[in-house]
C-alpha atoms as a PDB file:
ATOM      1  CA  MET A   1     118.939 119.941 127.650  1.00  0.00           C
ATOM      2  CA  LEU A   2     120.814 117.591 129.816  1.00  0.00           C
ATOM      3  CA  LYS A   3     124.620 118.196 129.251  1.00  0.00           C
ATOM      4  CA  ALA A   4     125.825 114.961 130.969  1.00  0.00           C
ATOM      5  CA  ALA A   5     125.363 111.339 131.690  1.00  0.00           C
ATOM      6  CA  LEU A   6     123.790 109.893 134.601  1.00  0.00           C
ATOM      7  CA  ALA A   7     126.074 109.713 137.647  1.00  0.00           C
ATOM      8  CA  THR A   8     124.908 106.513 139.005  1.00  0.00           C
ATOM      9  CA  GLY A   9     124.499 103.033 137.615  1.00  0.00           C
ATOM     10  CA  ALA A  10     121.281 102.215 139.231  1.00  0.00           C
ATOM     11  CA  VAL A  11     119.506 101.931 135.941  1.00  0.00           C
ATOM     12  CA  LEU A  12     120.030  99.134 133.228  1.00  0.00           C
ATOM     13  CA  GLY A  13     121.320 100.728 130.126  1.00  0.00           C
ATOM     14  CA  ALA A  14     122.112  99.464 126.704  1.00  0.00           C
ATOM     15  CA  ALA A  15     125.887  98.576 127.899  1.00  0.00           C
ATOM     16  CA  GLY A  16     124.452  95.989 130.450  1.00  0.00           C
ATOM     17  CA  VAL A  17     123.714  95.310 134.046  1.00  0.00           C
ATOM     18  CA  GLY A  18     124.572  98.211 136.312  1.00  0.00           C
ATOM     19  CA  SER A  19     125.409 100.595 133.666  1.00  0.00           C
ATOM     20  CA  ALA A  20     123.862 104.054 133.154  1.00  0.00           C
ATOM     21  CA  PRO A  21     121.762 104.588 130.163  1.00  0.00           C
ATOM     22  CA  ALA A  22     123.327 106.942 127.515  1.00  0.00           C
ATOM     23  CA  LEU A  23     121.712 110.143 126.888  1.00  0.00           C
ATOM     24  CA  ALA A  24     119.719 110.466 123.750  1.00  0.00           C
ATOM     25  CA  ARG A  25     122.272 112.848 122.257  1.00  0.00           C
ATOM     26  CA  ASP A  26     124.819 110.105 122.717  1.00  0.00           C
ATOM     27  CA  ARG A  27     122.854 107.280 120.809  1.00  0.00           C
ATOM     28  CA  VAL A  28     123.248 106.996 117.080  1.00  0.00           C
ATOM     29  CA  GLY A  29     121.613 103.866 115.786  1.00  0.00           C
ATOM     30  CA  GLU A  30     123.741 101.103 117.367  1.00  0.00           C
ATOM     31  CA  ARG A  31     126.908 102.889 118.051  1.00  0.00           C
ATOM     32  CA  MET A  32     127.852 105.259 120.847  1.00  0.00           C
ATOM     33  CA  LEU A  33     129.344 108.701 120.378  1.00  0.00           C
ATOM     34  CA  ASP A  34     131.868 110.199 122.512  1.00  0.00           C
ATOM     35  CA  PRO A  35     130.972 110.304 126.214  1.00  0.00           C
ATOM     36  CA  THR A  36     129.574 113.692 127.775  1.00  0.00           C
ATOM     37  CA  PRO A  37     130.937 115.038 130.976  1.00  0.00           C
ATOM     38  CA  SER A  38     129.364 113.673 134.170  1.00  0.00           C
ATOM     39  CA  CYS A  39     126.248 114.769 135.619  1.00  0.00           C
ATOM     40  CA  ASP A  40     126.761 117.498 138.244  1.00  0.00           C
ATOM     41  CA  ASP A  41     123.607 116.869 140.102  1.00  0.00           C
ATOM     42  CA  GLY A  42     122.536 120.643 139.331  1.00  0.00           C
ATOM     43  CA  ASP A  43     121.640 120.619 135.744  1.00  0.00           C
ATOM     44  CA  ASP A  44     119.372 123.604 134.643  1.00  0.00           C
ATOM     45  CA  PRO A  45     115.765 122.744 134.447  1.00  0.00           C
ATOM     46  CA  THR A  46     114.343 122.748 130.964  1.00  0.00           C
ATOM     47  CA  PRO A  47     112.748 126.195 130.328  1.00  0.00           C
ATOM     48  CA  PRO A  48     109.000 126.543 130.159  1.00  0.00           C
ATOM     49  CA  GLN A  49     107.457 128.217 126.977  1.00  0.00           C
ATOM     50  CA  THR A  50     104.055 129.443 125.988  1.00  0.00           C
ATOM     51  CA  GLU A  51     101.400 126.852 125.347  1.00  0.00           C
ATOM     52  CA  GLY A  52     100.110 128.888 122.384  1.00  0.00           C
ATOM     53  CA  PRO A  53      96.492 128.679 121.011  1.00  0.00           C
ATOM     54  CA  TYR A  54      96.452 125.303 119.536  1.00  0.00           C
ATOM     55  CA  PHE A  55      96.764 122.791 122.506  1.00  0.00           C
ATOM     56  CA  LYS A  56      93.738 120.105 122.894  1.00  0.00           C
ATOM     57  CA  PRO A  57      93.475 117.945 125.895  1.00  0.00           C
ATOM     58  CA  ASN A  58      92.554 114.165 125.453  1.00  0.00           C
ATOM     59  CA  SER A  59      95.053 113.437 122.694  1.00  0.00           C
ATOM     60  CA  PRO A  60      95.271 109.697 121.732  1.00  0.00           C
ATOM     61  CA  ARG A  61      98.004 107.699 123.476  1.00  0.00           C
ATOM     62  CA  THR A  62     100.482 107.066 120.792  1.00  0.00           C
ATOM     63  CA  GLY A  63     104.190 107.509 120.089  1.00  0.00           C
ATOM     64  CA  ASP A  64     103.513 107.645 116.217  1.00  0.00           C
ATOM     65  CA  LEU A  65     101.981 110.829 114.883  1.00  0.00           C
ATOM     66  CA  ARG A  66     102.470 110.097 111.226  1.00  0.00           C
ATOM     67  CA  ILE A  67      99.441 110.046 108.950  1.00  0.00           C
ATOM     68  CA  PRO A  68      99.767 107.804 106.128  1.00  0.00           C
ATOM     69  CA  GLY A  69      99.730 109.467 102.771  1.00  0.00           C
ATOM     70  CA  ASP A  70     100.513 112.871 104.296  1.00  0.00           C
ATOM     71  CA  PRO A  71     103.593 114.794 102.922  1.00  0.00           C
ATOM     72  CA  GLY A  72     106.522 115.529 104.883  1.00  0.00           C
ATOM     73  CA  MET A  73     109.943 114.506 105.845  1.00  0.00           C
ATOM     74  CA  ALA A  74     110.133 111.614 108.669  1.00  0.00           C
ATOM     75  CA  LEU A  75     111.208 112.751 112.181  1.00  0.00           C
ATOM     76  CA  ALA A  76     112.208 110.560 114.968  1.00  0.00           C
ATOM     77  CA  VAL A  77     112.524 112.269 118.240  1.00  0.00           C
ATOM     78  CA  THR A  78     114.110 110.313 121.375  1.00  0.00           C
ATOM     79  CA  GLY A  79     115.212 111.360 124.566  1.00  0.00           C
ATOM     80  CA  LEU A  80     114.988 111.000 128.403  1.00  0.00           C
ATOM     81  CA  VAL A  81     113.408 112.661 130.884  1.00  0.00           C
ATOM     82  CA  PHE A  82     115.350 113.494 134.253  1.00  0.00           C
ATOM     83  CA  THR A  83     115.052 115.192 137.698  1.00  0.00           C
ATOM     84  CA  ARG A  84     117.588 117.897 138.556  1.00  0.00           C
ATOM     85  CA  ASP A  85     119.692 115.522 140.449  1.00  0.00           C
ATOM     86  CA  CYS A  86     119.938 113.469 137.192  1.00  0.00           C
ATOM     87  CA  ARG A  87     117.585 110.476 137.931  1.00  0.00           C
ATOM     88  CA  PRO A  88     115.401 109.328 135.321  1.00  0.00           C
ATOM     89  CA  VAL A  89     111.752 109.743 135.611  1.00  0.00           C
ATOM     90  CA  ALA A  90     109.523 106.635 135.093  1.00  0.00           C
ATOM     91  CA  GLY A  91     105.879 107.110 134.052  1.00  0.00           C
ATOM     92  CA  ALA A  92     106.440 110.642 133.071  1.00  0.00           C
ATOM     93  CA  LEU A  93     103.678 111.859 130.698  1.00  0.00           C
ATOM     94  CA  LEU A  94     104.758 113.648 127.393  1.00  0.00           C
ATOM     95  CA  ASP A  95     101.830 115.331 125.272  1.00  0.00           C
ATOM     96  CA  PHE A  96     103.031 116.501 121.896  1.00  0.00           C
ATOM     97  CA  TRP A  97     101.274 118.533 119.283  1.00  0.00           C
ATOM     98  CA  GLN A  98     102.578 120.253 116.094  1.00  0.00           C
ATOM     99  CA  ALA A  99     101.724 121.696 112.694  1.00  0.00           C
ATOM    100  CA  ASP A 100     101.519 119.468 109.709  1.00  0.00           C
ATOM    101  CA  TYR A 101     103.806 119.914 106.401  1.00  0.00           C
ATOM    102  CA  TYR A 102     101.623 122.822 105.477  1.00  0.00           C
ATOM    103  CA  GLY A 103     101.994 124.723 108.684  1.00  0.00           C
ATOM    104  CA  ALA A 104      98.299 124.000 109.860  1.00  0.00           C
ATOM    105  CA  TYR A 105      97.026 122.617 113.126  1.00  0.00           C
ATOM    106  CA  ASP A 106      94.090 120.137 113.246  1.00  0.00           C
ATOM    107  CA  ASN A 107      91.773 121.968 115.501  1.00  0.00           C
ATOM    108  CA  ALA A 108      88.820 119.679 114.770  1.00  0.00           C
ATOM    109  CA  GLY A 109      90.633 116.310 115.355  1.00  0.00           C
ATOM    110  CA  TYR A 110      93.934 114.949 116.826  1.00  0.00           C
ATOM    111  CA  ARG A 111      96.141 114.833 113.609  1.00  0.00           C
ATOM    112  CA  TYR A 112      99.759 115.364 114.811  1.00  0.00           C
ATOM    113  CA  ARG A 113      98.793 115.157 118.248  1.00  0.00           C
ATOM    114  CA  GLY A 114      99.425 112.348 120.909  1.00  0.00           C
ATOM    115  CA  HIS A 115     100.664 111.556 124.262  1.00  0.00           C
ATOM    116  CA  GLN A 116     102.802 108.877 125.686  1.00  0.00           C
ATOM    117  CA  TYR A 117     104.640 107.715 128.969  1.00  0.00           C
ATOM    118  CA  THR A 118     108.397 107.206 129.815  1.00  0.00           C
ATOM    119  CA  GLY A 119     109.598 103.808 130.450  1.00  0.00           C
ATOM    120  CA  ALA A 120     111.401 102.749 133.703  1.00  0.00           C
ATOM    121  CA  ASP A 121     114.595 104.169 132.227  1.00  0.00           C
ATOM    122  CA  GLY A 122     112.905 107.740 131.646  1.00  0.00           C
ATOM    123  CA  ALA A 123     113.036 107.244 127.877  1.00  0.00           C
ATOM    124  CA  PHE A 124     110.445 108.492 125.183  1.00  0.00           C
ATOM    125  CA  ALA A 125     110.503 107.864 121.428  1.00  0.00           C
ATOM    126  CA  LEU A 126     108.337 109.944 119.095  1.00  0.00           C
ATOM    127  CA  SER A 127     107.699 109.323 115.314  1.00  0.00           C
ATOM    128  CA  THR A 128     106.319 112.235 113.429  1.00  0.00           C
ATOM    129  CA  ILE A 129     107.270 114.465 110.494  1.00  0.00           C
ATOM    130  CA  VAL A 130     109.187 117.752 110.394  1.00  0.00           C
ATOM    131  CA  PRO A 131     106.365 120.419 110.965  1.00  0.00           C
ATOM    132  CA  GLY A 132     105.721 123.038 108.278  1.00  0.00           C
ATOM    133  CA  LEU A 133     106.370 126.688 108.956  1.00  0.00           C
ATOM    134  CA  TYR A 134     103.432 129.359 109.541  1.00  0.00           C
ATOM    135  CA  PRO A 135     103.712 133.235 109.464  1.00  0.00           C
ATOM    136  CA  GLY A 136     105.376 134.657 112.501  1.00  0.00           C
ATOM    137  CA  ARG A 137     106.970 131.499 113.883  1.00  0.00           C
ATOM    138  CA  THR A 138     110.160 129.165 113.206  1.00  0.00           C
ATOM    139  CA  ARG A 139     109.754 125.279 112.956  1.00  0.00           C
ATOM    140  CA  HIS A 140     108.957 123.861 116.367  1.00  0.00           C
ATOM    141  CA  ILE A 141     107.084 121.015 118.365  1.00  0.00           C
ATOM    142  CA  HIS A 142     105.124 121.566 121.169  1.00  0.00           C
ATOM    143  CA  VAL A 143     105.122 119.391 124.238  1.00  0.00           C
ATOM    144  CA  LYS A 144     103.862 119.057 127.766  1.00  0.00           C
ATOM    145  CA  VAL A 145     105.791 116.867 130.205  1.00  0.00           C
ATOM    146  CA  GLN A 146     104.591 115.732 133.752  1.00  0.00           C
ATOM    147  CA  ALA A 147     106.121 113.524 136.109  1.00  0.00           C
ATOM    148  CA  PRO A 148     103.570 111.557 138.259  1.00  0.00           C
ATOM    149  CA  SER A 149     102.121 114.065 140.931  1.00  0.00           C
ATOM    150  CA  ARG A 150     104.220 116.944 139.760  1.00  0.00           C
ATOM    151  CA  PRO A 151     103.197 120.291 137.879  1.00  0.00           C
ATOM    152  CA  VAL A 152     103.265 120.233 134.278  1.00  0.00           C
ATOM    153  CA  LEU A 153     106.140 121.736 132.166  1.00  0.00           C
ATOM    154  CA  THR A 154     104.660 123.245 128.911  1.00  0.00           C
ATOM    155  CA  THR A 155     107.645 124.051 126.492  1.00  0.00           C
ATOM    156  CA  GLN A 156     108.598 123.871 122.680  1.00  0.00           C
ATOM    157  CA  LEU A 157     111.426 122.141 120.753  1.00  0.00           C
ATOM    158  CA  TYR A 158     113.344 123.777 118.105  1.00  0.00           C
ATOM    159  CA  PHE A 159     115.333 122.847 115.111  1.00  0.00           C
ATOM    160  CA  PRO A 160     118.866 124.130 114.557  1.00  0.00           C
ATOM    161  CA  GLY A 161     119.912 125.982 111.376  1.00  0.00           C
ATOM    162  CA  GLU A 162     116.470 127.276 110.696  1.00  0.00           C
ATOM    163  CA  PRO A 163     116.449 130.945 109.273  1.00  0.00           C
ATOM    164  CA  ARG A 164     113.579 131.840 111.321  1.00  0.00           C
ATOM    165  CA  ASN A 165     115.138 131.326 114.507  1.00  0.00           C
ATOM    166  CA  ASP A 166     116.656 134.718 114.466  1.00  0.00           C
ATOM    167  CA  THR A 167     113.348 136.458 113.897  1.00  0.00           C
ATOM    168  CA  ASP A 168     110.783 134.340 115.999  1.00  0.00           C
ATOM    169  CA  LEU A 169     110.394 136.181 119.391  1.00  0.00           C
ATOM    170  CA  ILE A 170     109.711 133.126 121.359  1.00  0.00           C
ATOM    171  CA  PHE A 171     112.625 131.012 120.076  1.00  0.00           C
ATOM    172  CA  ASP A 172     114.999 129.972 122.821  1.00  0.00           C
ATOM    173  CA  PRO A 173     118.189 128.215 122.052  1.00  0.00           C
ATOM    174  CA  ARG A 174     118.313 126.262 125.137  1.00  0.00           C
ATOM    175  CA  LEU A 175     115.396 124.017 123.539  1.00  0.00           C
ATOM    176  CA  LEU A 176     117.339 123.191 120.368  1.00  0.00           C
ATOM    177  CA  MET A 177     117.048 119.519 119.699  1.00  0.00           C
ATOM    178  CA  ASP A 178     120.084 117.787 118.309  1.00  0.00           C
ATOM    179  CA  VAL A 179     119.219 116.898 114.833  1.00  0.00           C
ATOM    180  CA  ARG A 180     120.793 114.930 112.122  1.00  0.00           C
ATOM    181  CA  ASP A 181     119.989 113.126 108.583  1.00  0.00           C
ATOM    182  CA  ASP A 182     119.723 109.376 109.188  1.00  0.00           C
ATOM    183  CA  GLY A 183     118.824 108.422 105.634  1.00  0.00           C
ATOM    184  CA  ALA A 184     115.145 107.707 106.179  1.00  0.00           C
ATOM    185  CA  GLY A 185     114.671 111.357 107.216  1.00  0.00           C
ATOM    186  CA  ARG A 186     115.793 113.092 110.308  1.00  0.00           C
ATOM    187  CA  ALA A 187     116.526 111.872 113.919  1.00  0.00           C
ATOM    188  CA  ALA A 188     116.576 114.549 116.768  1.00  0.00           C
ATOM    189  CA  ALA A 189     117.386 114.083 120.506  1.00  0.00           C
ATOM    190  CA  PHE A 190     116.357 116.050 123.362  1.00  0.00           C
ATOM    191  CA  ASP A 191     116.534 115.459 127.178  1.00  0.00           C
ATOM    192  CA  PHE A 192     114.160 117.095 129.450  1.00  0.00           C
ATOM    193  CA  VAL A 193     115.194 118.050 133.073  1.00  0.00           C
ATOM    194  CA  LEU A 194     112.224 118.712 135.202  1.00  0.00           C
ATOM    195  CA  ASP A 195     112.473 121.000 138.270  1.00  0.00           C
ATOM    196  CA  PHE A 196     112.690 118.948 141.137  1.00  0.00           C
ATOM    197  CA  THR A 197     115.033 116.251 142.870  1.00  0.00           C
ATOM    198  CA  SER A 198     114.105 112.625 143.711  1.00  0.00           C
END
């Protein structure tokens, strides 16, 4: 996860014209958290992880994976996609897929699957549920991230404090989301750093 705010003011942010957007980890509703250190133009790229057996191409374009009537705690995931030199990536593809509340993947259709594109500020927002558990794995969300005309990053996002984090051989703490309760469910934040410079 990107550890710092943008170094330039080239992008319009919530604070106004000429200001850099706050990172996802710094946004809580309408208030700002304490600022993070300045970007060092050398943040580590987000590490890749296995695709696993359940990816399906041609998911629907949507930022809302929720299924009316399905059980599960609401989860909102937000963040930004950056280059290594801290520039936001506009038009980046993010393709998400995950297990349902019971830990099952829909391999016949596209339940809990969908793709979207970042805005001009590199931001994305996903509405879903906290995925269920299944044997051998901790709780996680799969994602492919691709900047225009760049290679695909395939990785997974994890939840802090999960007992199975210690026994899942694939788990990587560098891929932990910042997760909090928000009254309506959980809100999570993660910023992707793609392995190229602008």
